Structures are given as C-alpha cells and as structure tokens.
C-alpha cells in the first residue's frame, strides 16, 4: 500500500440505473419513427436539388411544392415507414426515351409548349431529364449519418 493513501469506495444505486434503462426502452419506439422520417425528409430535399441540377424548371409549380412540403413532413406509409411521393409525370420525365409529341388542343404539354417555347400546334421532341438517380446517390450518402445523429441526440437528451 502507498503511504498516505486511502481506499475509495463507490456505490451505485441500481434502481436509478434500472429506471434510466426502462426510460430508454419506453422511448425507443419514438426513435424508430423519428429516424425514417428524418431520412425521408432528406430524400425529398435531395430530389428537389436534383431536379434543379437537371434543369427541370417549374411550370405550374405543383411538383416542387409537393417536394418542399415533404422535406418538412414526408408521407407516412405505416408505423415507422415514411416515403417521398412524386407525381407520375416527374418519374416519366426521368425515365422516358426521347420521342416526338403531337401538340393537340387540350393537352397540358401543348399549353406548356405555347407558354415556354411559343410554339403553335405541331410536334416537338421531348427528352428525358434524369434526376432520380442523382437524388438517390446524394441522399444515400447521408442516411447513416442521420441515423447516428438521431441516436446521439436521443441519448444526450435522456
């Protein structure tokens, strides 16, 4: 034994530890809902950025408004499941092959061509604007980081 030394005793109240662990167990289901929601919000934001990078400009603005709203409040698909819902024509815009489209009266593409291009009825060629893949890639890089941050925040706040 070292001269002038003493024995340090530590007591741990196991009830406090058990209460802390029980608190974590009760709150974990909330965490299981928060992480997918944050990830879906990040995907919506990433898709919005990918649309801008692909030179897709809003015409009516509906699709962009949808994505902006979902970057704050994504669509709940079930318990602990969230997703990003986009309009079908945006998916088609990403995946279509270049093709000619007849500009007939009553079609929204005819109104678009007249507003944006100043064309009268006839034909135009439409080309894809791929944006989904780039949005998935940029969002996919941050999924793990978001989950880790949410778990860290959960632990810090308890």
Protein backbone atom coordinates (compact mmCIF):
# COMPACT_ATOMS: atom_id res chain seq x y z
CA UNK A 1 0.00 0.00 0.00
CA UNK A 2 1.21 3.52 -0.81
CA UNK A 3 1.75 5.75 2.25
CA UNK A 4 -0.90 8.42 2.80
CA UNK A 5 -3.33 6.64 0.50
CA UNK A 6 -6.87 5.65 1.19
CA UNK A 7 -9.49 3.41 -0.22
CA UNK A 8 -12.09 4.95 -2.45
CA UNK A 9 -15.46 3.29 -2.37
CA UNK A 10 -18.14 3.83 -4.96
CA UNK A 11 -21.73 2.84 -4.51
CA UNK A 12 -24.17 2.63 -7.37
CA UNK A 13 -27.88 2.72 -6.77
CA UNK A 14 -29.11 0.06 -9.19
CA UNK A 15 -32.68 1.37 -9.04
CA UNK A 16 -31.59 4.59 -10.74
CA UNK A 17 -29.79 2.64 -13.45
CA UNK A 18 -32.82 0.40 -13.98
CA UNK A 19 -35.12 3.44 -14.21
CA UNK A 20 -32.79 5.04 -16.76
CA UNK A 21 -32.73 1.85 -18.87
CA UNK A 22 -36.51 1.48 -18.61
CA UNK A 23 -36.86 5.08 -19.78
CA UNK A 24 -34.74 4.28 -22.83
CA UNK A 25 -36.83 1.19 -23.58
CA UNK A 26 -40.06 3.19 -23.39
CA UNK A 27 -38.71 5.92 -25.69
CA UNK A 28 -37.05 3.71 -28.35
CA UNK A 29 -40.28 3.29 -30.39
CA UNK A 30 -40.32 7.09 -30.84
CA UNK A 31 -36.75 6.87 -32.12
CA UNK A 32 -37.80 4.12 -34.55
CA UNK A 33 -40.32 6.57 -36.02
CA UNK A 34 -38.06 9.65 -35.99
CA UNK A 35 -35.14 8.17 -37.95
CA UNK A 36 -37.14 7.08 -41.05
CA UNK A 37 -38.98 10.41 -41.03
CA UNK A 38 -35.70 12.38 -40.99
CA UNK A 39 -34.29 10.21 -43.77
CA UNK A 40 -37.42 10.71 -45.92
CA UNK A 41 -37.19 14.48 -45.34
CA UNK A 42 -33.60 14.40 -46.51
CA UNK A 43 -34.56 12.40 -49.64
CA UNK A 44 -37.27 14.95 -50.51
CA UNK A 45 -34.75 17.76 -50.17
CA UNK A 46 -32.22 15.82 -52.24
CA UNK A 47 -34.79 15.19 -55.00
CA UNK A 48 -35.62 18.88 -55.09
CA UNK A 49 -31.95 19.73 -55.55
CA UNK A 50 -31.57 17.03 -58.22
CA UNK A 51 -34.50 18.48 -60.18
CA UNK A 52 -32.84 21.90 -60.18
CA UNK A 53 -29.49 20.39 -61.24
CA UNK A 54 -31.21 18.55 -64.12
CA UNK A 55 -32.58 21.87 -65.40
CA UNK A 56 -36.18 20.95 -64.67
CA UNK A 57 -37.96 24.25 -64.20
CA UNK A 58 -41.34 24.52 -62.54
CA UNK A 59 -44.20 25.25 -64.88
CA UNK A 60 -47.22 25.06 -62.60
CA UNK A 61 -45.00 24.58 -59.55
CA UNK A 62 -47.15 21.77 -58.11
CA UNK A 63 -44.39 19.15 -58.07
CA UNK A 64 -41.88 21.48 -56.50
CA UNK A 65 -44.39 22.50 -53.83
CA UNK A 66 -45.05 18.81 -53.11
CA UNK A 67 -41.35 18.15 -52.56
CA UNK A 68 -40.87 21.28 -50.46
CA UNK A 69 -43.76 20.21 -48.21
CA UNK A 70 -42.39 16.67 -47.94
CA UNK A 71 -38.97 17.95 -46.96
CA UNK A 72 -40.74 19.14 -43.80
CA UNK A 73 -43.45 16.49 -43.48
CA UNK A 74 -42.94 13.32 -45.56
CA UNK A 75 -45.78 10.93 -46.34
CA UNK A 76 -46.35 8.34 -43.63
CA UNK A 77 -46.67 4.88 -45.20
CA UNK A 78 -47.13 2.96 -41.96
CA UNK A 79 -45.69 2.62 -38.48
CA UNK A 80 -42.07 3.63 -38.76
CA UNK A 81 -42.27 3.93 -42.56
CA UNK A 82 -42.10 7.18 -44.47
CA UNK A 83 -41.71 7.90 -48.15
CA UNK A 84 -41.47 10.64 -50.72
CA UNK A 85 -44.37 10.80 -53.17
CA UNK A 86 -43.77 12.46 -56.53
CA UNK A 87 -46.14 12.99 -59.39
CA UNK A 88 -46.12 10.40 -62.15
CA UNK A 89 -45.01 12.83 -64.84
CA UNK A 90 -41.80 13.53 -62.90
CA UNK A 91 -41.00 9.82 -62.91
CA UNK A 92 -41.76 9.74 -66.64
CA UNK A 93 -39.55 12.77 -67.15
CA UNK A 94 -36.70 10.83 -65.58
CA UNK A 95 -37.18 7.53 -67.42
CA UNK A 96 -38.63 8.29 -70.85
CA UNK A 97 -36.85 7.89 -74.14
CA UNK A 98 -36.61 10.88 -76.49
CA UNK A 99 -39.72 10.99 -78.66
CA UNK A 100 -41.98 13.29 -80.66
CA UNK A 101 -45.20 14.56 -79.11
CA UNK A 102 -48.10 15.99 -81.07
CA UNK A 103 -49.27 19.32 -79.71
CA UNK A 104 -53.02 18.90 -79.75
CA UNK A 105 -55.58 21.17 -78.19
CA UNK A 106 -56.47 20.40 -74.56
CA UNK A 107 -53.17 18.75 -73.61
CA UNK A 108 -51.10 20.24 -70.83
CA UNK A 109 -47.93 19.76 -72.90
CA UNK A 110 -49.49 21.93 -75.60
CA UNK A 111 -50.10 24.70 -73.07
CA UNK A 112 -46.54 24.21 -71.76
CA UNK A 113 -45.02 24.43 -75.26
CA UNK A 114 -47.01 27.57 -76.00
CA UNK A 115 -46.05 29.21 -72.67
CA UNK A 116 -42.41 28.17 -72.61
CA UNK A 117 -41.47 27.85 -76.25
CA UNK A 118 -44.05 29.99 -78.02
CA UNK A 119 -44.94 27.08 -80.33
CA UNK A 120 -48.24 26.68 -82.11
CA UNK A 121 -49.77 23.24 -82.59
CA UNK A 122 -47.47 20.81 -84.34
CA UNK A 123 -44.86 18.41 -82.97
CA UNK A 124 -41.99 18.77 -80.56
CA UNK A 125 -39.35 16.32 -79.43
CA UNK A 126 -39.18 15.71 -75.70
CA UNK A 127 -36.07 14.41 -73.96
CA UNK A 128 -35.56 12.93 -70.51
CA UNK A 129 -34.17 14.88 -67.58
CA UNK A 130 -32.71 12.18 -65.34
CA UNK A 131 -32.90 13.30 -61.72
CA UNK A 132 -33.96 10.35 -59.54
CA UNK A 133 -30.63 8.52 -59.58
CA UNK A 134 -28.60 11.59 -58.68
CA UNK A 135 -31.05 12.40 -55.88
CA UNK A 136 -30.76 8.84 -54.55
CA UNK A 137 -26.97 8.94 -54.68
CA UNK A 138 -26.63 12.23 -52.85
CA UNK A 139 -29.23 11.28 -50.23
CA UNK A 140 -27.83 7.77 -49.79
CA UNK A 141 -24.51 9.17 -48.64
CA UNK A 142 -26.15 10.74 -45.58
CA UNK A 143 -28.55 8.02 -44.38
CA UNK A 144 -26.18 6.52 -41.84
CA UNK A 145 -25.08 9.92 -40.59
CA UNK A 146 -28.69 10.96 -39.95
CA UNK A 147 -29.42 7.74 -38.06
CA UNK A 148 -26.29 8.16 -35.95
CA UNK A 149 -27.12 11.80 -35.20
CA UNK A 150 -30.66 10.92 -34.13
CA UNK A 151 -29.40 8.16 -31.80
CA UNK A 152 -26.77 10.52 -30.34
CA UNK A 153 -29.39 13.23 -29.83
CA UNK A 154 -31.70 10.68 -28.20
CA UNK A 155 -29.01 9.62 -25.74
CA UNK A 156 -27.92 13.21 -24.97
CA UNK A 157 -31.48 14.30 -24.22
CA UNK A 158 -32.09 11.46 -21.75
